[in-house]
Amino acid sequence: MEHKAQLSAWIEGQKSQHNFDLEMFKSVIAAGQGAIRTIFAMNSGAAVALLAFTGHLAQFRPDQVPTFAWTLLRFTAGAFLAGLISGTTYLSQWFFAGEKEPYRNAGFWLNIAAIALGWRPMAPSFGACGGRWMCSCI
């Protein structure tokens, strides 16, 4: 009888740990999705704002319009990379679900690639490439 109680307690502990791990995994996925949405919103919003500003600038100082092309390209590339990150994240989860070890290894490296890609679009959003340079051109 004592062994049954210990087994039952162990099973309940394992269930509890599994549920905890599952909820933590869900929260990591939700945080990653939120980060990807933020990257997309920041870069695409900045690209649209810069495009509107450049369109207005073209009326008064058309010679300055090419100056903003490089910055616009960086924000647009950031929005494109957000889509690429989303696809890479999907592929990594698909490979992680595989039963064989090579699939899981591919999922791991795709996950690393998604994280590495995620750093690139954030640079223009924080002004490292675009904002300070853009203000010096005006």
N, C-alpha and C. Protein backbone atom coordinates (compact mmCIF):
# COMPACT_ATOMS: atom_id res chain seq x y z
N MET A 1 0.82 -1.19 0.00
CA MET A 1 0.00 0.00 0.00
C MET A 1 0.86 1.26 0.00
N GLU A 2 1.96 1.22 0.75
CA GLU A 2 2.84 2.38 0.83
C GLU A 2 3.47 2.69 -0.52
N HIS A 3 3.82 1.64 -1.28
CA HIS A 3 4.43 1.84 -2.60
C HIS A 3 3.43 2.45 -3.58
N LYS A 4 2.16 2.06 -3.44
CA LYS A 4 1.12 2.64 -4.29
C LYS A 4 0.98 4.13 -4.04
N ALA A 5 1.05 4.52 -2.78
CA ALA A 5 0.93 5.94 -2.43
C ALA A 5 2.13 6.72 -2.96
N GLN A 6 3.32 6.13 -2.84
CA GLN A 6 4.51 6.79 -3.36
C GLN A 6 4.46 6.91 -4.88
N LEU A 7 4.00 5.84 -5.54
CA LEU A 7 3.87 5.86 -6.99
C LEU A 7 2.86 6.91 -7.42
N SER A 8 1.75 6.97 -6.72
CA SER A 8 0.73 7.95 -7.03
C SER A 8 1.25 9.38 -6.84
N ALA A 9 1.97 9.59 -5.77
CA ALA A 9 2.55 10.92 -5.51
C ALA A 9 3.58 11.27 -6.59
N TRP A 10 4.39 10.29 -7.00
CA TRP A 10 5.38 10.53 -8.03
C TRP A 10 4.71 10.86 -9.35
N ILE A 11 3.66 10.13 -9.70
CA ILE A 11 2.92 10.38 -10.94
C ILE A 11 2.33 11.79 -10.93
N GLU A 12 1.74 12.19 -9.83
CA GLU A 12 1.17 13.54 -9.72
C GLU A 12 2.26 14.61 -9.83
N GLY A 13 3.41 14.33 -9.24
CA GLY A 13 4.53 15.26 -9.35
C GLY A 13 5.01 15.40 -10.79
N GLN A 14 5.05 14.28 -11.51
CA GLN A 14 5.46 14.30 -12.91
C GLN A 14 4.44 15.06 -13.76
N LYS A 15 3.15 14.85 -13.50
CA LYS A 15 2.11 15.58 -14.22
C LYS A 15 2.23 17.08 -13.97
N SER A 16 2.47 17.44 -12.71
CA SER A 16 2.60 18.85 -12.36
C SER A 16 3.82 19.47 -13.05
N GLN A 17 4.93 18.75 -13.06
CA GLN A 17 6.14 19.25 -13.73
C GLN A 17 5.91 19.38 -15.24
N HIS A 18 5.23 18.40 -15.82
CA HIS A 18 4.93 18.45 -17.26
C HIS A 18 4.06 19.66 -17.59
N ASN A 19 3.03 19.90 -16.77
CA ASN A 19 2.16 21.05 -17.00
C ASN A 19 2.94 22.37 -16.86
N PHE A 20 3.82 22.43 -15.87
CA PHE A 20 4.65 23.62 -15.69
C PHE A 20 5.54 23.84 -16.91
N ASP A 21 6.21 22.78 -17.37
CA ASP A 21 7.07 22.89 -18.55
C ASP A 21 6.29 23.31 -19.78
N LEU A 22 5.09 22.76 -19.95
CA LEU A 22 4.26 23.11 -21.09
C LEU A 22 3.84 24.58 -21.06
N GLU A 23 3.47 25.07 -19.90
CA GLU A 23 3.07 26.49 -19.78
C GLU A 23 4.27 27.41 -20.00
N MET A 24 5.44 27.02 -19.53
CA MET A 24 6.64 27.82 -19.77
C MET A 24 6.96 27.86 -21.26
N PHE A 25 6.81 26.74 -21.94
CA PHE A 25 7.05 26.69 -23.38
C PHE A 25 6.07 27.60 -24.11
N LYS A 26 4.80 27.55 -23.70
CA LYS A 26 3.80 28.42 -24.32
C LYS A 26 4.13 29.89 -24.10
N SER A 27 4.62 30.23 -22.92
CA SER A 27 4.96 31.63 -22.65
C SER A 27 6.16 32.08 -23.47
N VAL A 28 7.12 31.19 -23.69
CA VAL A 28 8.28 31.52 -24.53
C VAL A 28 7.83 31.75 -25.97
N ILE A 29 6.95 30.89 -26.46
CA ILE A 29 6.42 31.06 -27.82
C ILE A 29 5.67 32.38 -27.94
N ALA A 30 4.84 32.70 -26.96
CA ALA A 30 4.08 33.95 -26.99
C ALA A 30 5.02 35.16 -26.94
N ALA A 31 6.06 35.09 -26.13
CA ALA A 31 7.02 36.20 -26.06
C ALA A 31 7.75 36.37 -27.38
N GLY A 32 8.13 35.26 -28.00
CA GLY A 32 8.79 35.34 -29.30
C GLY A 32 7.89 35.92 -30.37
N GLN A 33 6.64 35.51 -30.38
CA GLN A 33 5.69 36.07 -31.34
C GLN A 33 5.50 37.56 -31.11
N GLY A 34 5.45 37.96 -29.85
CA GLY A 34 5.32 39.38 -29.54
C GLY A 34 6.54 40.17 -30.02
N ALA A 35 7.72 39.59 -29.86
CA ALA A 35 8.94 40.26 -30.32
C ALA A 35 8.95 40.41 -31.83
N ILE A 36 8.53 39.36 -32.53
CA ILE A 36 8.48 39.43 -34.00
C ILE A 36 7.48 40.49 -34.45
N ARG A 37 6.33 40.54 -33.80
CA ARG A 37 5.33 41.57 -34.14
C ARG A 37 5.88 42.98 -33.88
N THR A 38 6.61 43.12 -32.79
CA THR A 38 7.18 44.41 -32.46
C THR A 38 8.23 44.83 -33.50
N ILE A 39 9.08 43.90 -33.88
CA ILE A 39 10.08 44.19 -34.91
C ILE A 39 9.40 44.63 -36.19
N PHE A 40 8.36 43.90 -36.59
CA PHE A 40 7.65 44.25 -37.82
C PHE A 40 6.97 45.61 -37.70
N ALA A 41 6.29 45.85 -36.59
CA ALA A 41 5.56 47.11 -36.43
C ALA A 41 6.50 48.31 -36.38
N MET A 42 7.61 48.17 -35.66
CA MET A 42 8.55 49.28 -35.54
C MET A 42 9.18 49.61 -36.89
N ASN A 43 9.65 48.59 -37.60
CA ASN A 43 10.33 48.84 -38.86
C ASN A 43 9.37 49.27 -39.96
N SER A 44 8.23 48.62 -40.06
CA SER A 44 7.29 49.02 -41.12
C SER A 44 6.69 50.38 -40.82
N GLY A 45 6.41 50.67 -39.56
CA GLY A 45 5.90 51.99 -39.20
C GLY A 45 6.91 53.09 -39.49
N ALA A 46 8.17 52.81 -39.17
CA ALA A 46 9.22 53.79 -39.46
C ALA A 46 9.38 53.98 -40.97
N ALA A 47 9.27 52.91 -41.74
CA ALA A 47 9.38 53.01 -43.19
C ALA A 47 8.24 53.85 -43.76
N VAL A 48 7.03 53.62 -43.29
CA VAL A 48 5.88 54.39 -43.77
C VAL A 48 6.03 55.86 -43.40
N ALA A 49 6.43 56.14 -42.17
CA ALA A 49 6.61 57.53 -41.73
C ALA A 49 7.71 58.22 -42.54
N LEU A 50 8.80 57.51 -42.76
CA LEU A 50 9.89 58.09 -43.54
C LEU A 50 9.48 58.31 -44.99
N LEU A 51 8.69 57.39 -45.52
CA LEU A 51 8.19 57.54 -46.89
C LEU A 51 7.27 58.76 -46.99
N ALA A 52 6.41 58.96 -46.01
CA ALA A 52 5.54 60.14 -46.01
C ALA A 52 6.36 61.42 -45.89
N PHE A 53 7.35 61.39 -45.01
CA PHE A 53 8.21 62.57 -44.86
C PHE A 53 8.96 62.86 -46.14
N THR A 54 9.49 61.82 -46.77
CA THR A 54 10.25 62.00 -48.01
C THR A 54 9.35 62.50 -49.12
N GLY A 55 8.10 62.02 -49.17
CA GLY A 55 7.15 62.51 -50.17
C GLY A 55 6.87 63.99 -49.98
N HIS A 56 6.74 64.41 -48.75
CA HIS A 56 6.52 65.84 -48.46
C HIS A 56 7.77 66.65 -48.80
N LEU A 57 8.94 66.09 -48.47
CA LEU A 57 10.20 66.76 -48.75
C LEU A 57 10.40 66.94 -50.26
N ALA A 58 9.91 66.01 -51.04
CA ALA A 58 10.08 66.07 -52.50
C ALA A 58 9.42 67.31 -53.10
N GLN A 59 8.41 67.83 -52.45
CA GLN A 59 7.74 69.04 -52.96
C GLN A 59 8.61 70.27 -52.81
N PHE A 60 9.41 70.32 -51.74
CA PHE A 60 10.15 71.54 -51.44
C PHE A 60 11.65 71.44 -51.71
N ARG A 61 12.22 70.27 -51.48
CA ARG A 61 13.66 70.08 -51.70
C ARG A 61 13.91 68.72 -52.35
N PRO A 62 13.58 68.59 -53.62
CA PRO A 62 13.73 67.29 -54.29
C PRO A 62 15.17 66.80 -54.34
N ASP A 63 16.13 67.68 -54.24
CA ASP A 63 17.53 67.26 -54.27
C ASP A 63 17.92 66.47 -53.02
N GLN A 64 17.16 66.59 -51.93
CA GLN A 64 17.46 65.89 -50.68
C GLN A 64 16.82 64.50 -50.60
N VAL A 65 15.91 64.19 -51.52
CA VAL A 65 15.18 62.91 -51.45
C VAL A 65 16.12 61.70 -51.50
N PRO A 66 17.13 61.66 -52.39
CA PRO A 66 18.01 60.48 -52.41
C PRO A 66 18.77 60.26 -51.11
N THR A 67 18.92 61.31 -50.32
CA THR A 67 19.62 61.19 -49.05
C THR A 67 18.92 60.21 -48.10
N PHE A 68 17.61 60.13 -48.20
CA PHE A 68 16.84 59.30 -47.28
C PHE A 68 16.61 57.88 -47.81
N ALA A 69 17.05 57.60 -49.01
CA ALA A 69 16.80 56.29 -49.60
C ALA A 69 17.47 55.17 -48.81
N TRP A 70 18.70 55.39 -48.37
CA TRP A 70 19.42 54.34 -47.64
C TRP A 70 18.73 54.01 -46.31
N THR A 71 18.27 55.04 -45.62
CA THR A 71 17.57 54.82 -44.36
C THR A 71 16.25 54.09 -44.59
N LEU A 72 15.53 54.50 -45.62
CA LEU A 72 14.27 53.83 -45.96
C LEU A 72 14.51 52.36 -46.30
N LEU A 73 15.59 52.10 -47.02
CA LEU A 73 15.93 50.71 -47.37
C LEU A 73 16.18 49.88 -46.11
N ARG A 74 16.83 50.44 -45.12
CA ARG A 74 17.12 49.69 -43.90
C ARG A 74 15.85 49.35 -43.12
N PHE A 75 14.95 50.30 -43.01
CA PHE A 75 13.70 50.02 -42.31
C PHE A 75 12.85 49.01 -43.08
N THR A 76 12.84 49.11 -44.40
CA THR A 76 12.10 48.15 -45.22
C THR A 76 12.71 46.76 -45.10
N ALA A 77 14.04 46.71 -45.08
CA ALA A 77 14.71 45.41 -44.90
C ALA A 77 14.39 44.83 -43.53
N GLY A 78 14.26 45.68 -42.52
CA GLY A 78 13.89 45.22 -41.19
C GLY A 78 12.51 44.59 -41.18
N ALA A 79 11.56 45.20 -41.89
CA ALA A 79 10.21 44.63 -41.98
C ALA A 79 10.24 43.30 -42.73
N PHE A 80 11.05 43.24 -43.80
CA PHE A 80 11.19 41.99 -44.56
C PHE A 80 11.80 40.90 -43.67
N LEU A 81 12.82 41.26 -42.91
CA LEU A 81 13.46 40.27 -42.03
C LEU A 81 12.50 39.77 -40.96
N ALA A 82 11.57 40.62 -40.52
CA ALA A 82 10.59 40.16 -39.54
C ALA A 82 9.75 39.01 -40.12
N GLY A 83 9.38 39.13 -41.39
CA GLY A 83 8.66 38.03 -42.05
C GLY A 83 9.53 36.80 -42.17
N LEU A 84 10.79 37.00 -42.49
CA LEU A 84 11.72 35.88 -42.60
C LEU A 84 11.93 35.20 -41.25
N ILE A 85 12.00 35.99 -40.20
CA ILE A 85 12.14 35.43 -38.85
C ILE A 85 10.92 34.59 -38.50
N SER A 86 9.75 35.10 -38.85
CA SER A 86 8.52 34.36 -38.56
C SER A 86 8.53 33.00 -39.26
N GLY A 87 8.93 32.97 -40.53
CA GLY A 87 9.01 31.71 -41.26
C GLY A 87 10.06 30.78 -40.69
N THR A 88 11.21 31.33 -40.30
CA THR A 88 12.27 30.52 -39.72
C THR A 88 11.83 29.92 -38.38
N THR A 89 11.08 30.70 -37.61
CA THR A 89 10.56 30.20 -36.34
C THR A 89 9.60 29.05 -36.56
N TYR A 90 8.73 29.19 -37.56
CA TYR A 90 7.80 28.11 -37.90
C TYR A 90 8.56 26.85 -38.29
N LEU A 91 9.55 27.00 -39.15
CA LEU A 91 10.33 25.84 -39.59
C LEU A 91 11.07 25.18 -38.43
N SER A 92 11.62 25.99 -37.54
CA SER A 92 12.35 25.39 -36.41
C SER A 92 11.41 24.57 -35.53
N GLN A 93 10.20 25.05 -35.30
CA GLN A 93 9.23 24.28 -34.50
C GLN A 93 8.81 23.01 -35.23
N TRP A 94 8.69 23.10 -36.53
CA TRP A 94 8.31 21.92 -37.33
C TRP A 94 9.41 20.86 -37.23
N PHE A 95 10.67 21.29 -37.31
CA PHE A 95 11.77 20.33 -37.19
C PHE A 95 11.88 19.80 -35.76
N PHE A 96 11.64 20.63 -34.76
CA PHE A 96 11.69 20.17 -33.37
C PHE A 96 10.67 19.06 -33.12
N ALA A 97 9.56 19.10 -33.83
CA ALA A 97 8.52 18.09 -33.64
C ALA A 97 8.92 16.74 -34.24
N GLY A 98 9.99 16.72 -35.02
CA GLY A 98 10.43 15.46 -35.63
C GLY A 98 10.93 14.46 -34.61
N GLU A 99 10.82 13.22 -34.96
CA GLU A 99 11.21 12.15 -34.03
C GLU A 99 12.71 11.84 -34.08
N LYS A 100 13.34 12.12 -35.21
CA LYS A 100 14.74 11.75 -35.36
C LYS A 100 15.66 12.88 -34.92
N GLU A 101 16.83 12.52 -34.47
CA GLU A 101 17.80 13.49 -33.95
C GLU A 101 18.25 14.51 -35.00
N PRO A 102 18.49 14.13 -36.26
CA PRO A 102 18.88 15.16 -37.24
C PRO A 102 17.83 16.26 -37.42
N TYR A 103 16.56 15.90 -37.33
CA TYR A 103 15.51 16.91 -37.43
C TYR A 103 15.56 17.87 -36.25
N ARG A 104 15.78 17.32 -35.07
CA ARG A 104 15.85 18.18 -33.89
C ARG A 104 17.08 19.09 -33.93
N ASN A 105 18.19 18.56 -34.46
CA ASN A 105 19.38 19.40 -34.63
C ASN A 105 19.10 20.53 -35.62
N ALA A 106 18.42 20.21 -36.71
CA ALA A 106 18.06 21.25 -37.68
C ALA A 106 17.14 22.29 -37.03
N GLY A 107 16.22 21.84 -36.21
CA GLY A 107 15.35 22.76 -35.50
C GLY A 107 16.13 23.67 -34.57
N PHE A 108 17.13 23.11 -33.89
CA PHE A 108 17.97 23.92 -33.00
C PHE A 108 18.69 25.00 -33.78
N TRP A 109 19.30 24.64 -34.91
CA TRP A 109 20.07 25.62 -35.68
C TRP A 109 19.17 26.64 -36.37
N LEU A 110 17.98 26.23 -36.77
CA LEU A 110 17.03 27.21 -37.31
C LEU A 110 16.58 28.18 -36.22
N ASN A 111 16.45 27.69 -35.01
CA ASN A 111 16.10 28.56 -33.89
C ASN A 111 17.21 29.59 -33.65
N ILE A 112 18.45 29.15 -33.69
CA ILE A 112 19.59 30.07 -33.55
C ILE A 112 19.59 31.09 -34.69
N ALA A 113 19.29 30.62 -35.90
CA ALA A 113 19.23 31.53 -37.05
C ALA A 113 18.13 32.58 -36.87
N ALA A 114 16.99 32.17 -36.36
CA ALA A 114 15.89 33.11 -36.13
C ALA A 114 16.28 34.16 -35.09
N ILE A 115 16.98 33.74 -34.05
CA ILE A 115 17.43 34.69 -33.03
C ILE A 115 18.45 35.66 -33.63
N ALA A 116 19.39 35.13 -34.41
CA ALA A 116 20.40 35.99 -35.03
C ALA A 116 19.75 36.98 -36.00
N LEU A 117 18.78 36.51 -36.76
CA LEU A 117 18.08 37.41 -37.68
C LEU A 117 17.29 38.47 -36.93
N GLY A 118 16.85 38.15 -35.73
CA GLY A 118 16.06 39.08 -34.94
C GLY A 118 16.84 40.28 -34.45
N TRP A 119 18.15 40.16 -34.33
CA TRP A 119 18.95 41.30 -33.87
C TRP A 119 19.12 42.34 -34.96
N ARG A 120 19.19 41.92 -36.21
CA ARG A 120 19.47 42.85 -37.31
C ARG A 120 18.37 43.91 -37.49
N PRO A 121 17.10 43.55 -37.51
CA PRO A 121 16.09 44.60 -37.75
C PRO A 121 15.93 45.57 -36.60
N MET A 122 16.45 45.24 -35.43
CA MET A 122 16.27 46.14 -34.30
C MET A 122 17.22 47.33 -34.36
N ALA A 123 18.34 47.20 -35.04
CA ALA A 123 19.32 48.29 -35.07
C ALA A 123 18.75 49.59 -35.62
N PRO A 124 18.07 49.60 -36.78
CA PRO A 124 17.52 50.87 -37.25
C PRO A 124 16.42 51.40 -36.35
N SER A 125 15.72 50.52 -35.70
CA SER A 125 14.62 50.94 -34.84
C SER A 125 15.12 51.74 -33.65
N PHE A 126 16.31 51.41 -33.18
CA PHE A 126 16.87 52.13 -32.05
C PHE A 126 17.69 53.34 -32.48
N GLY A 127 17.74 53.59 -33.80
CA GLY A 127 18.43 54.77 -34.29
C GLY A 127 19.90 54.56 -34.56
N ALA A 128 20.39 53.33 -34.42
CA ALA A 128 21.82 53.09 -34.61
C ALA A 128 22.24 53.36 -36.06
N CYS A 129 21.36 53.08 -37.01
CA CYS A 129 21.72 53.27 -38.42
C CYS A 129 20.96 54.43 -39.06
N GLY A 130 19.76 54.68 -38.59
CA GLY A 130 18.90 55.59 -39.32
C GLY A 130 18.68 56.93 -38.68
N GLY A 131 18.20 56.96 -37.46
CA GLY A 131 17.70 58.18 -36.87
C GLY A 131 18.73 59.29 -36.77
N ARG A 132 19.89 59.01 -36.21
CA ARG A 132 20.90 60.05 -36.01
C ARG A 132 21.40 60.55 -37.36
N TRP A 133 21.63 59.64 -38.31
CA TRP A 133 22.12 60.02 -39.63
C TRP A 133 21.07 60.85 -40.36
N MET A 134 19.80 60.45 -40.23
CA MET A 134 18.73 61.15 -40.92
C MET A 134 18.63 62.58 -40.41
N CYS A 135 18.75 62.78 -39.11
CA CYS A 135 18.63 64.12 -38.54
C CYS A 135 19.78 65.02 -38.97
N SER A 136 20.96 64.45 -39.19
CA SER A 136 22.09 65.27 -39.60
C SER A 136 21.99 65.72 -41.04
N CYS A 137 21.08 65.08 -41.82
CA CYS A 137 20.95 65.43 -43.23
C CYS A 137 19.99 66.60 -43.45
N ILE A 138 19.18 66.89 -42.47
CA ILE A 138 18.14 67.91 -42.66
C ILE A 138 18.72 69.29 -42.58
